[in-house]
Amino acid sequence: MPKNADIYRVLFAALPDHYFKCNYCSKVRRQLPSSGYGNLLSHLRDKHPDYEADYFTHASSLADNLHSFGFVSEKVASIYHWMEWVVDRNMPLSEVDHPTTCSMSRLKPISSKTLKKYLAATTQAVEKEIAKTIPPTFGAMYDNWTCFSEHFVALYIVFWKDGQLFYVRLEESR
C-alpha cells in the first residue's frame, strides 16, 4: 500500500495557501498540513474509486525514472557536492586532487579536470537559461545599506519584458 503523501503528490497539484487541485476533475480542495491527507483522500475515494490502480500504473511507468520523484543518480549528486565544496569555499579546483581533502570527504573522488569539465557545462547551461529570461538590453544597479554595524551590498539587473519592469537581485554580500 503506498503512502498517502505519495498518492497526493501524484494525483493532486499543489496550489498556494494549502489548496490542492485534483488531477482528475480539477476540483480544488483545502488541506491543512496538520490534518494529514484525509480531505484529499476522501475526495479520491468518493469521486474516483479507481485512484489506487491509476496510482500504481503511474508509479510503475516511472519506476526507471527516479528523477521524476525528485531523486538524482549518485554520480550526479557527487559531482554537484564537489562543485558546491569548491565554489562555496572559493577554493582552487586542485582542492579535489588533494589526498587530505579526499580522505575527509564522504564523496566519491573526482579529478580537477573532470570537475572543470562539469563546471564549464553547468556555466553554459545557466548562461542559456539567463539569456532566455533577460533581454539583450538591461541595466545593472547596485544598492548598499547598513544594518546595525553590518554593511551589505546587492547587485540587481533591471530590464523591461512584455511591457513590465523587472528587478532581479543577483547577489548580496556582507
N, C-alpha and C. Protein backbone atom coordinates (compact mmCIF):
# COMPACT_ATOMS: atom_id res chain seq x y z
N MET A 1 0.85 -1.19 0.00
CA MET A 1 0.00 0.00 0.00
C MET A 1 0.89 1.24 0.00
N PRO A 2 0.68 2.16 -0.93
CA PRO A 2 1.51 3.37 -0.97
C PRO A 2 1.15 4.33 0.16
N LYS A 3 2.07 5.20 0.47
CA LYS A 3 1.83 6.22 1.48
C LYS A 3 0.84 7.25 0.93
N ASN A 4 0.03 7.81 1.82
CA ASN A 4 -0.92 8.84 1.41
C ASN A 4 -0.21 10.03 0.77
N ALA A 5 0.96 10.38 1.30
CA ALA A 5 1.71 11.51 0.76
C ALA A 5 2.12 11.25 -0.68
N ASP A 6 2.50 10.02 -1.00
CA ASP A 6 2.89 9.69 -2.37
C ASP A 6 1.70 9.78 -3.32
N ILE A 7 0.54 9.30 -2.85
CA ILE A 7 -0.66 9.36 -3.68
C ILE A 7 -1.04 10.80 -3.97
N TYR A 8 -1.07 11.63 -2.94
CA TYR A 8 -1.50 13.01 -3.17
C TYR A 8 -0.52 13.77 -4.06
N ARG A 9 0.78 13.47 -3.98
CA ARG A 9 1.76 14.16 -4.83
C ARG A 9 1.54 13.85 -6.31
N VAL A 10 1.05 12.64 -6.60
CA VAL A 10 0.83 12.25 -7.99
C VAL A 10 -0.53 12.71 -8.49
N LEU A 11 -1.56 12.61 -7.66
CA LEU A 11 -2.93 12.83 -8.12
C LEU A 11 -3.48 14.21 -7.83
N PHE A 12 -2.71 15.08 -7.17
CA PHE A 12 -3.13 16.45 -6.91
C PHE A 12 -2.01 17.41 -7.27
N ALA A 13 -2.41 18.61 -7.69
CA ALA A 13 -1.44 19.67 -7.95
C ALA A 13 -1.54 20.67 -6.79
N ALA A 14 -0.41 21.01 -6.19
CA ALA A 14 -0.40 21.94 -5.06
C ALA A 14 -0.62 23.37 -5.55
N LEU A 15 -1.48 24.09 -4.84
CA LEU A 15 -1.76 25.50 -5.10
C LEU A 15 -1.37 26.28 -3.84
N PRO A 16 -1.33 27.62 -3.92
CA PRO A 16 -0.99 28.40 -2.72
C PRO A 16 -2.03 28.24 -1.60
N ASP A 17 -1.63 28.57 -0.41
CA ASP A 17 -2.50 28.62 0.78
C ASP A 17 -3.17 27.29 1.11
N HIS A 18 -2.45 26.20 0.95
CA HIS A 18 -2.92 24.86 1.34
C HIS A 18 -4.11 24.37 0.52
N TYR A 19 -4.20 24.80 -0.73
CA TYR A 19 -5.22 24.29 -1.64
C TYR A 19 -4.56 23.32 -2.61
N PHE A 20 -5.33 22.33 -3.05
CA PHE A 20 -4.84 21.32 -3.98
C PHE A 20 -5.88 21.08 -5.05
N LYS A 21 -5.43 20.93 -6.29
CA LYS A 21 -6.34 20.69 -7.41
C LYS A 21 -6.23 19.23 -7.84
N CYS A 22 -7.38 18.56 -7.92
CA CYS A 22 -7.43 17.17 -8.33
C CYS A 22 -7.03 17.06 -9.80
N ASN A 23 -6.12 16.16 -10.10
CA ASN A 23 -5.68 15.98 -11.49
C ASN A 23 -6.71 15.26 -12.34
N TYR A 24 -7.72 14.65 -11.73
CA TYR A 24 -8.80 14.01 -12.49
C TYR A 24 -9.84 15.04 -12.95
N CYS A 25 -10.43 15.74 -11.96
CA CYS A 25 -11.60 16.57 -12.24
C CYS A 25 -11.35 18.06 -12.05
N SER A 26 -10.15 18.45 -11.66
CA SER A 26 -9.77 19.85 -11.44
C SER A 26 -10.50 20.51 -10.27
N LYS A 27 -11.16 19.73 -9.44
CA LYS A 27 -11.81 20.29 -8.25
C LYS A 27 -10.73 20.71 -7.26
N VAL A 28 -10.92 21.87 -6.65
CA VAL A 28 -9.94 22.41 -5.70
C VAL A 28 -10.41 22.09 -4.28
N ARG A 29 -9.51 21.52 -3.49
CA ARG A 29 -9.79 21.16 -2.11
C ARG A 29 -8.76 21.81 -1.20
N ARG A 30 -9.19 22.16 0.01
CA ARG A 30 -8.27 22.72 1.00
C ARG A 30 -7.81 21.60 1.93
N GLN A 31 -6.52 21.60 2.25
CA GLN A 31 -5.98 20.58 3.14
C GLN A 31 -4.88 21.21 3.98
N LEU A 32 -5.13 21.37 5.27
CA LEU A 32 -4.12 21.93 6.17
C LEU A 32 -3.06 20.89 6.47
N PRO A 33 -1.80 21.31 6.62
CA PRO A 33 -0.72 20.35 6.86
C PRO A 33 -0.90 19.55 8.15
N SER A 34 -1.54 20.14 9.14
CA SER A 34 -1.67 19.48 10.43
C SER A 34 -2.69 18.35 10.43
N SER A 35 -3.50 18.26 9.38
CA SER A 35 -4.57 17.25 9.38
C SER A 35 -4.31 16.08 8.43
N GLY A 36 -3.07 15.87 8.07
CA GLY A 36 -2.75 14.75 7.20
C GLY A 36 -3.27 14.97 5.79
N TYR A 37 -3.76 13.89 5.17
CA TYR A 37 -4.25 13.98 3.80
C TYR A 37 -5.68 13.48 3.69
N GLY A 38 -6.39 13.46 4.80
CA GLY A 38 -7.74 12.89 4.84
C GLY A 38 -8.71 13.53 3.87
N ASN A 39 -8.73 14.84 3.79
CA ASN A 39 -9.66 15.54 2.90
C ASN A 39 -9.40 15.19 1.45
N LEU A 40 -8.14 15.13 1.07
CA LEU A 40 -7.79 14.82 -0.31
C LEU A 40 -8.11 13.36 -0.64
N LEU A 41 -7.78 12.47 0.27
CA LEU A 41 -8.04 11.05 0.02
C LEU A 41 -9.53 10.73 0.04
N SER A 42 -10.31 11.42 0.88
CA SER A 42 -11.76 11.17 0.87
C SER A 42 -12.36 11.61 -0.47
N HIS A 43 -11.83 12.69 -1.04
CA HIS A 43 -12.29 13.12 -2.37
C HIS A 43 -12.00 12.02 -3.40
N LEU A 44 -10.79 11.45 -3.35
CA LEU A 44 -10.44 10.39 -4.29
C LEU A 44 -11.33 9.17 -4.09
N ARG A 45 -11.55 8.77 -2.84
CA ARG A 45 -12.39 7.59 -2.57
C ARG A 45 -13.82 7.80 -3.07
N ASP A 46 -14.37 9.02 -2.84
CA ASP A 46 -15.76 9.29 -3.20
C ASP A 46 -15.95 9.50 -4.70
N LYS A 47 -15.07 10.25 -5.32
CA LYS A 47 -15.27 10.66 -6.72
C LYS A 47 -14.51 9.83 -7.74
N HIS A 48 -13.42 9.22 -7.32
CA HIS A 48 -12.55 8.49 -8.26
C HIS A 48 -12.12 7.16 -7.62
N PRO A 49 -13.02 6.19 -7.54
CA PRO A 49 -12.72 4.95 -6.81
C PRO A 49 -11.55 4.14 -7.38
N ASP A 50 -11.18 4.36 -8.62
CA ASP A 50 -10.06 3.62 -9.22
C ASP A 50 -8.72 4.32 -9.04
N TYR A 51 -8.65 5.26 -8.11
CA TYR A 51 -7.44 6.07 -7.98
C TYR A 51 -6.21 5.23 -7.63
N GLU A 52 -6.37 4.17 -6.83
CA GLU A 52 -5.21 3.36 -6.45
C GLU A 52 -4.61 2.64 -7.65
N ALA A 53 -5.46 2.11 -8.50
CA ALA A 53 -4.97 1.43 -9.71
C ALA A 53 -4.25 2.42 -10.61
N ASP A 54 -4.82 3.62 -10.74
CA ASP A 54 -4.17 4.65 -11.56
C ASP A 54 -2.83 5.05 -10.96
N TYR A 55 -2.78 5.15 -9.62
CA TYR A 55 -1.52 5.50 -8.98
C TYR A 55 -0.46 4.43 -9.26
N PHE A 56 -0.83 3.15 -9.11
CA PHE A 56 0.13 2.07 -9.35
C PHE A 56 0.59 2.04 -10.80
N THR A 57 -0.32 2.31 -11.73
CA THR A 57 0.05 2.37 -13.15
C THR A 57 1.06 3.48 -13.38
N HIS A 58 0.77 4.64 -12.79
CA HIS A 58 1.67 5.79 -12.93
C HIS A 58 3.03 5.48 -12.30
N ALA A 59 3.01 4.93 -11.10
CA ALA A 59 4.26 4.65 -10.38
C ALA A 59 5.10 3.61 -11.13
N SER A 60 4.46 2.59 -11.68
CA SER A 60 5.24 1.56 -12.38
C SER A 60 5.80 2.09 -13.69
N SER A 61 5.09 3.02 -14.33
CA SER A 61 5.61 3.59 -15.58
C SER A 61 6.82 4.48 -15.32
N LEU A 62 6.95 4.97 -14.09
CA LEU A 62 8.07 5.85 -13.75
C LEU A 62 9.15 5.14 -12.95
N ALA A 63 9.04 3.84 -12.82
CA ALA A 63 10.00 3.11 -11.99
C ALA A 63 11.43 3.31 -12.44
N ASP A 64 11.65 3.42 -13.74
CA ASP A 64 13.00 3.62 -14.24
C ASP A 64 13.45 5.06 -14.16
N ASN A 65 12.52 5.96 -13.93
CA ASN A 65 12.85 7.37 -13.95
C ASN A 65 12.73 7.95 -12.54
N LEU A 66 13.71 7.70 -11.70
CA LEU A 66 13.67 8.20 -10.32
C LEU A 66 13.70 9.72 -10.26
N HIS A 67 14.21 10.34 -11.30
CA HIS A 67 14.27 11.80 -11.32
C HIS A 67 12.88 12.42 -11.17
N SER A 68 11.86 11.77 -11.69
CA SER A 68 10.51 12.31 -11.60
C SER A 68 10.02 12.37 -10.16
N PHE A 69 10.61 11.59 -9.27
CA PHE A 69 10.25 11.64 -7.86
C PHE A 69 11.20 12.51 -7.05
N GLY A 70 12.07 13.25 -7.72
CA GLY A 70 12.97 14.14 -7.02
C GLY A 70 14.31 13.53 -6.67
N PHE A 71 14.63 12.36 -7.18
CA PHE A 71 15.91 11.72 -6.91
C PHE A 71 16.83 11.91 -8.11
N VAL A 72 18.11 11.97 -7.84
CA VAL A 72 19.10 12.02 -8.91
C VAL A 72 20.09 10.89 -8.66
N SER A 73 20.85 10.57 -9.68
CA SER A 73 21.80 9.47 -9.54
C SER A 73 22.91 9.85 -8.55
N GLU A 74 23.56 8.83 -8.02
CA GLU A 74 24.65 9.05 -7.06
C GLU A 74 25.78 9.84 -7.71
N LYS A 75 26.05 9.55 -8.99
CA LYS A 75 27.13 10.24 -9.71
C LYS A 75 26.83 11.74 -9.82
N VAL A 76 25.61 12.08 -10.22
CA VAL A 76 25.23 13.49 -10.37
C VAL A 76 25.28 14.20 -9.02
N ALA A 77 24.78 13.55 -7.98
CA ALA A 77 24.81 14.16 -6.64
C ALA A 77 26.24 14.38 -6.18
N SER A 78 27.12 13.43 -6.44
CA SER A 78 28.52 13.56 -6.04
C SER A 78 29.19 14.73 -6.76
N ILE A 79 28.96 14.83 -8.06
CA ILE A 79 29.55 15.93 -8.84
C ILE A 79 29.04 17.27 -8.32
N TYR A 80 27.73 17.35 -8.07
CA TYR A 80 27.15 18.59 -7.55
C TYR A 80 27.80 18.97 -6.22
N HIS A 81 27.96 18.01 -5.31
CA HIS A 81 28.53 18.32 -3.99
C HIS A 81 30.00 18.71 -4.09
N TRP A 82 30.75 18.13 -5.03
CA TRP A 82 32.13 18.58 -5.23
C TRP A 82 32.15 20.02 -5.74
N MET A 83 31.25 20.35 -6.68
CA MET A 83 31.19 21.73 -7.17
C MET A 83 30.83 22.68 -6.03
N GLU A 84 29.87 22.28 -5.22
CA GLU A 84 29.47 23.08 -4.07
C GLU A 84 30.64 23.27 -3.11
N TRP A 85 31.37 22.21 -2.83
CA TRP A 85 32.52 22.24 -1.92
C TRP A 85 33.53 23.28 -2.38
N VAL A 86 33.90 23.24 -3.65
CA VAL A 86 34.95 24.11 -4.18
C VAL A 86 34.44 25.55 -4.34
N VAL A 87 33.26 25.72 -4.92
CA VAL A 87 32.76 27.07 -5.22
C VAL A 87 32.38 27.82 -3.95
N ASP A 88 31.62 27.19 -3.06
CA ASP A 88 31.18 27.88 -1.84
C ASP A 88 32.35 28.30 -0.95
N ARG A 89 33.42 27.53 -0.97
CA ARG A 89 34.58 27.85 -0.15
C ARG A 89 35.62 28.67 -0.91
N ASN A 90 35.33 28.97 -2.18
CA ASN A 90 36.23 29.76 -3.03
C ASN A 90 37.62 29.13 -3.08
N MET A 91 37.64 27.81 -3.30
CA MET A 91 38.89 27.06 -3.33
C MET A 91 39.32 26.82 -4.77
N PRO A 92 40.61 26.57 -4.99
CA PRO A 92 41.05 26.21 -6.34
C PRO A 92 40.53 24.82 -6.70
N LEU A 93 40.39 24.56 -7.99
CA LEU A 93 39.89 23.26 -8.43
C LEU A 93 40.80 22.12 -8.00
N SER A 94 42.08 22.42 -7.84
CA SER A 94 43.03 21.38 -7.43
C SER A 94 42.74 20.86 -6.02
N GLU A 95 41.87 21.53 -5.29
CA GLU A 95 41.48 21.08 -3.95
C GLU A 95 40.97 19.64 -3.97
N VAL A 96 40.26 19.27 -5.04
CA VAL A 96 39.68 17.92 -5.09
C VAL A 96 40.73 16.85 -5.32
N ASP A 97 41.92 17.23 -5.80
CA ASP A 97 43.00 16.27 -6.03
C ASP A 97 43.83 16.02 -4.77
N HIS A 98 43.68 16.88 -3.78
CA HIS A 98 44.49 16.79 -2.56
C HIS A 98 44.07 15.56 -1.74
N PRO A 99 45.03 14.72 -1.35
CA PRO A 99 44.69 13.50 -0.60
C PRO A 99 43.95 13.77 0.72
N THR A 100 44.30 14.85 1.41
CA THR A 100 43.63 15.15 2.67
C THR A 100 42.17 15.48 2.44
N THR A 101 41.90 16.24 1.40
CA THR A 101 40.51 16.58 1.07
C THR A 101 39.71 15.32 0.79
N CYS A 102 40.28 14.45 -0.02
CA CYS A 102 39.59 13.20 -0.36
C CYS A 102 39.35 12.33 0.87
N SER A 103 40.31 12.31 1.78
CA SER A 103 40.16 11.47 2.98
C SER A 103 39.11 12.04 3.93
N MET A 104 38.92 13.35 3.92
CA MET A 104 37.96 13.98 4.83
C MET A 104 36.55 14.02 4.25
N SER A 105 36.40 13.71 2.99
CA SER A 105 35.09 13.79 2.34
C SER A 105 34.47 12.41 2.18
N ARG A 106 33.17 12.35 2.31
CA ARG A 106 32.44 11.11 2.07
C ARG A 106 32.11 10.96 0.60
N LEU A 107 32.44 11.97 -0.21
CA LEU A 107 32.10 11.97 -1.63
C LEU A 107 33.02 11.06 -2.43
N LYS A 108 32.48 10.57 -3.53
CA LYS A 108 33.28 9.73 -4.44
C LYS A 108 34.37 10.61 -5.04
N PRO A 109 35.62 10.17 -5.07
CA PRO A 109 36.71 11.00 -5.60
C PRO A 109 36.47 11.43 -7.05
N ILE A 110 36.95 12.63 -7.37
CA ILE A 110 36.81 13.19 -8.70
C ILE A 110 38.09 13.95 -9.02
N SER A 111 38.50 14.01 -10.26
CA SER A 111 39.71 14.76 -10.61
C SER A 111 39.35 16.21 -10.90
N SER A 112 40.33 17.09 -10.77
CA SER A 112 40.09 18.51 -11.03
C SER A 112 39.74 18.73 -12.50
N LYS A 113 40.29 17.91 -13.38
CA LYS A 113 39.99 18.02 -14.82
C LYS A 113 38.51 17.71 -15.08
N THR A 114 38.01 16.66 -14.45
CA THR A 114 36.60 16.29 -14.60
C THR A 114 35.70 17.35 -13.99
N LEU A 115 36.07 17.84 -12.81
CA LEU A 115 35.29 18.88 -12.15
C LEU A 115 35.22 20.13 -13.02
N LYS A 116 36.35 20.50 -13.63
CA LYS A 116 36.38 21.67 -14.51
C LYS A 116 35.43 21.49 -15.69
N LYS A 117 35.40 20.27 -16.25
CA LYS A 117 34.50 19.98 -17.37
C LYS A 117 33.04 20.18 -16.96
N TYR A 118 32.66 19.68 -15.78
CA TYR A 118 31.27 19.81 -15.33
C TYR A 118 30.93 21.24 -14.93
N LEU A 119 31.88 21.96 -14.36
CA LEU A 119 31.64 23.38 -14.04
C LEU A 119 31.40 24.18 -15.31
N ALA A 120 32.19 23.91 -16.36
CA ALA A 120 32.01 24.61 -17.63
C ALA A 120 30.65 24.29 -18.24
N ALA A 121 30.25 23.03 -18.20
CA ALA A 121 28.94 22.64 -18.74
C ALA A 121 27.80 23.27 -17.95
N THR A 122 27.94 23.33 -16.64
CA THR A 122 26.93 23.97 -15.80
C THR A 122 26.84 25.46 -16.10
N THR A 123 28.00 26.10 -16.25
CA THR A 123 28.02 27.52 -16.58
C THR A 123 27.31 27.78 -17.90
N GLN A 124 27.57 26.96 -18.90
CA GLN A 124 26.90 27.12 -20.20
C GLN A 124 25.39 26.96 -20.07
N ALA A 125 24.95 25.97 -19.32
CA ALA A 125 23.51 25.74 -19.15
C ALA A 125 22.85 26.92 -18.44
N VAL A 126 23.51 27.45 -17.41
CA VAL A 126 22.96 28.60 -16.68
C VAL A 126 22.92 29.83 -17.57
N GLU A 127 23.98 30.06 -18.35
CA GLU A 127 24.00 31.20 -19.26
C GLU A 127 22.87 31.13 -20.28
N LYS A 128 22.58 29.94 -20.79
CA LYS A 128 21.48 29.78 -21.75
C LYS A 128 20.14 30.12 -21.10
N GLU A 129 19.93 29.66 -19.87
CA GLU A 129 18.68 29.95 -19.17
C GLU A 129 18.55 31.45 -18.87
N ILE A 130 19.64 32.08 -18.49
CA ILE A 130 19.62 33.52 -18.24
C ILE A 130 19.32 34.27 -19.53
N ALA A 131 19.93 33.85 -20.63
CA ALA A 131 19.71 34.51 -21.92
C ALA A 131 18.25 34.39 -22.36
N LYS A 132 17.58 33.30 -22.00
CA LYS A 132 16.16 33.15 -22.34
C LYS A 132 15.30 34.15 -21.58
N THR A 133 15.70 34.46 -20.36
CA THR A 133 14.90 35.31 -19.48
C THR A 133 15.20 36.79 -19.68
N ILE A 134 16.46 37.13 -19.78
CA ILE A 134 16.88 38.53 -19.81
C ILE A 134 17.07 38.99 -21.25
N PRO A 135 16.47 40.12 -21.61
CA PRO A 135 16.66 40.63 -22.96
C PRO A 135 18.09 41.15 -23.15
N PRO A 136 18.49 41.39 -24.41
CA PRO A 136 19.86 41.85 -24.66
C PRO A 136 20.17 43.21 -24.02
N THR A 137 19.14 44.04 -23.83
CA THR A 137 19.34 45.35 -23.22
C THR A 137 18.84 45.32 -21.78
N PHE A 138 19.75 45.57 -20.85
CA PHE A 138 19.38 45.59 -19.44
C PHE A 138 20.33 46.52 -18.70
N GLY A 139 19.97 46.87 -17.49
CA GLY A 139 20.82 47.73 -16.68
C GLY A 139 21.26 47.01 -15.42
N ALA A 140 22.39 47.45 -14.88
CA ALA A 140 22.88 46.91 -13.61
C ALA A 140 22.71 47.98 -12.55
N MET A 141 22.28 47.58 -11.37
CA MET A 141 22.04 48.53 -10.30
C MET A 141 22.66 47.97 -9.02
N TYR A 142 23.39 48.81 -8.32
CA TYR A 142 23.98 48.42 -7.04
C TYR A 142 23.20 49.10 -5.93
N ASP A 143 23.08 48.44 -4.83
CA ASP A 143 22.44 49.02 -3.66
C ASP A 143 23.27 48.62 -2.45
N ASN A 144 23.45 49.55 -1.52
CA ASN A 144 24.16 49.20 -0.30
C ASN A 144 23.45 49.81 0.89
N TRP A 145 23.58 49.16 2.03
CA TRP A 145 22.94 49.64 3.23
C TRP A 145 23.67 49.07 4.44
N THR A 146 23.37 49.66 5.59
CA THR A 146 23.96 49.23 6.84
C THR A 146 22.85 48.88 7.81
N CYS A 147 22.99 47.76 8.46
CA CYS A 147 22.03 47.34 9.49
C CYS A 147 22.85 47.10 10.75
N PHE A 148 22.63 47.92 11.77
CA PHE A 148 23.46 47.95 12.96
C PHE A 148 24.89 48.20 12.51
N SER A 149 25.81 47.30 12.70
CA SER A 149 27.18 47.59 12.26
C SER A 149 27.58 46.73 11.06
N GLU A 150 26.63 46.04 10.44
CA GLU A 150 26.93 45.22 9.27
C GLU A 150 26.61 45.99 8.00
N HIS A 151 27.51 45.88 7.03
CA HIS A 151 27.32 46.55 5.74
C HIS A 151 26.95 45.51 4.69
N PHE A 152 25.99 45.86 3.85
CA PHE A 152 25.52 44.95 2.81
C PHE A 152 25.62 45.64 1.45
N VAL A 153 25.89 44.85 0.42
CA VAL A 153 25.91 45.33 -0.95
C VAL A 153 25.12 44.32 -1.78
N ALA A 154 24.25 44.82 -2.65
CA ALA A 154 23.47 43.93 -3.52
C ALA A 154 23.62 44.38 -4.96
N LEU A 155 23.58 43.43 -5.87
CA LEU A 155 23.65 43.69 -7.30
C LEU A 155 22.33 43.24 -7.92
N TYR A 156 21.70 44.16 -8.66
CA TYR A 156 20.44 43.87 -9.33
C TYR A 156 20.62 44.08 -10.83
N ILE A 157 19.81 43.38 -11.62
CA ILE A 157 19.68 43.75 -13.02
C ILE A 157 18.25 44.23 -13.21
N VAL A 158 18.11 45.21 -14.08
CA VAL A 158 16.82 45.83 -14.33
C VAL A 158 16.54 45.74 -15.82
N PHE A 159 15.34 45.30 -16.19
CA PHE A 159 15.00 45.20 -17.60
C PHE A 159 13.49 45.23 -17.80
N TRP A 160 13.11 45.61 -19.02
CA TRP A 160 11.71 45.60 -19.44
C TRP A 160 11.47 44.33 -20.23
N LYS A 161 10.35 43.66 -19.94
CA LYS A 161 9.97 42.49 -20.71
C LYS A 161 8.45 42.44 -20.77
N ASP A 162 7.92 42.36 -21.98
CA ASP A 162 6.46 42.33 -22.20
C ASP A 162 5.77 43.50 -21.52
N GLY A 163 6.37 44.68 -21.60
CA GLY A 163 5.78 45.89 -21.05
C GLY A 163 5.82 45.98 -19.54
N GLN A 164 6.60 45.15 -18.89
CA GLN A 164 6.67 45.16 -17.44
C GLN A 164 8.13 45.32 -17.00
N LEU A 165 8.35 46.11 -15.95
CA LEU A 165 9.69 46.35 -15.43
C LEU A 165 10.04 45.29 -14.39
N PHE A 166 11.23 44.67 -14.54
CA PHE A 166 11.69 43.64 -13.62
C PHE A 166 12.97 44.08 -12.93
N TYR A 167 13.07 43.78 -11.63
CA TYR A 167 14.29 43.95 -10.84
C TYR A 167 14.66 42.56 -10.34
N VAL A 168 15.82 42.07 -10.70
CA VAL A 168 16.24 40.74 -10.27
C VAL A 168 17.53 40.88 -9.47
N ARG A 169 17.49 40.43 -8.20
CA ARG A 169 18.69 40.50 -7.37
C ARG A 169 19.60 39.33 -7.73
N LEU A 170 20.81 39.66 -8.12
CA LEU A 170 21.77 38.63 -8.50
C LEU A 170 22.62 38.18 -7.32
N GLU A 171 23.01 39.13 -6.49
CA GLU A 171 23.94 38.79 -5.42
C GLU A 171 23.77 39.76 -4.27
N GLU A 172 24.01 39.26 -3.07
CA GLU A 172 24.04 40.09 -1.88
C GLU A 172 25.22 39.63 -1.06
N SER A 173 26.00 40.59 -0.57
CA SER A 173 27.16 40.21 0.23
C SER A 173 27.24 41.07 1.48
N ARG A 174 27.96 40.57 2.44
CA ARG A 174 28.16 41.30 3.71
C ARG A 174 29.56 41.81 3.76
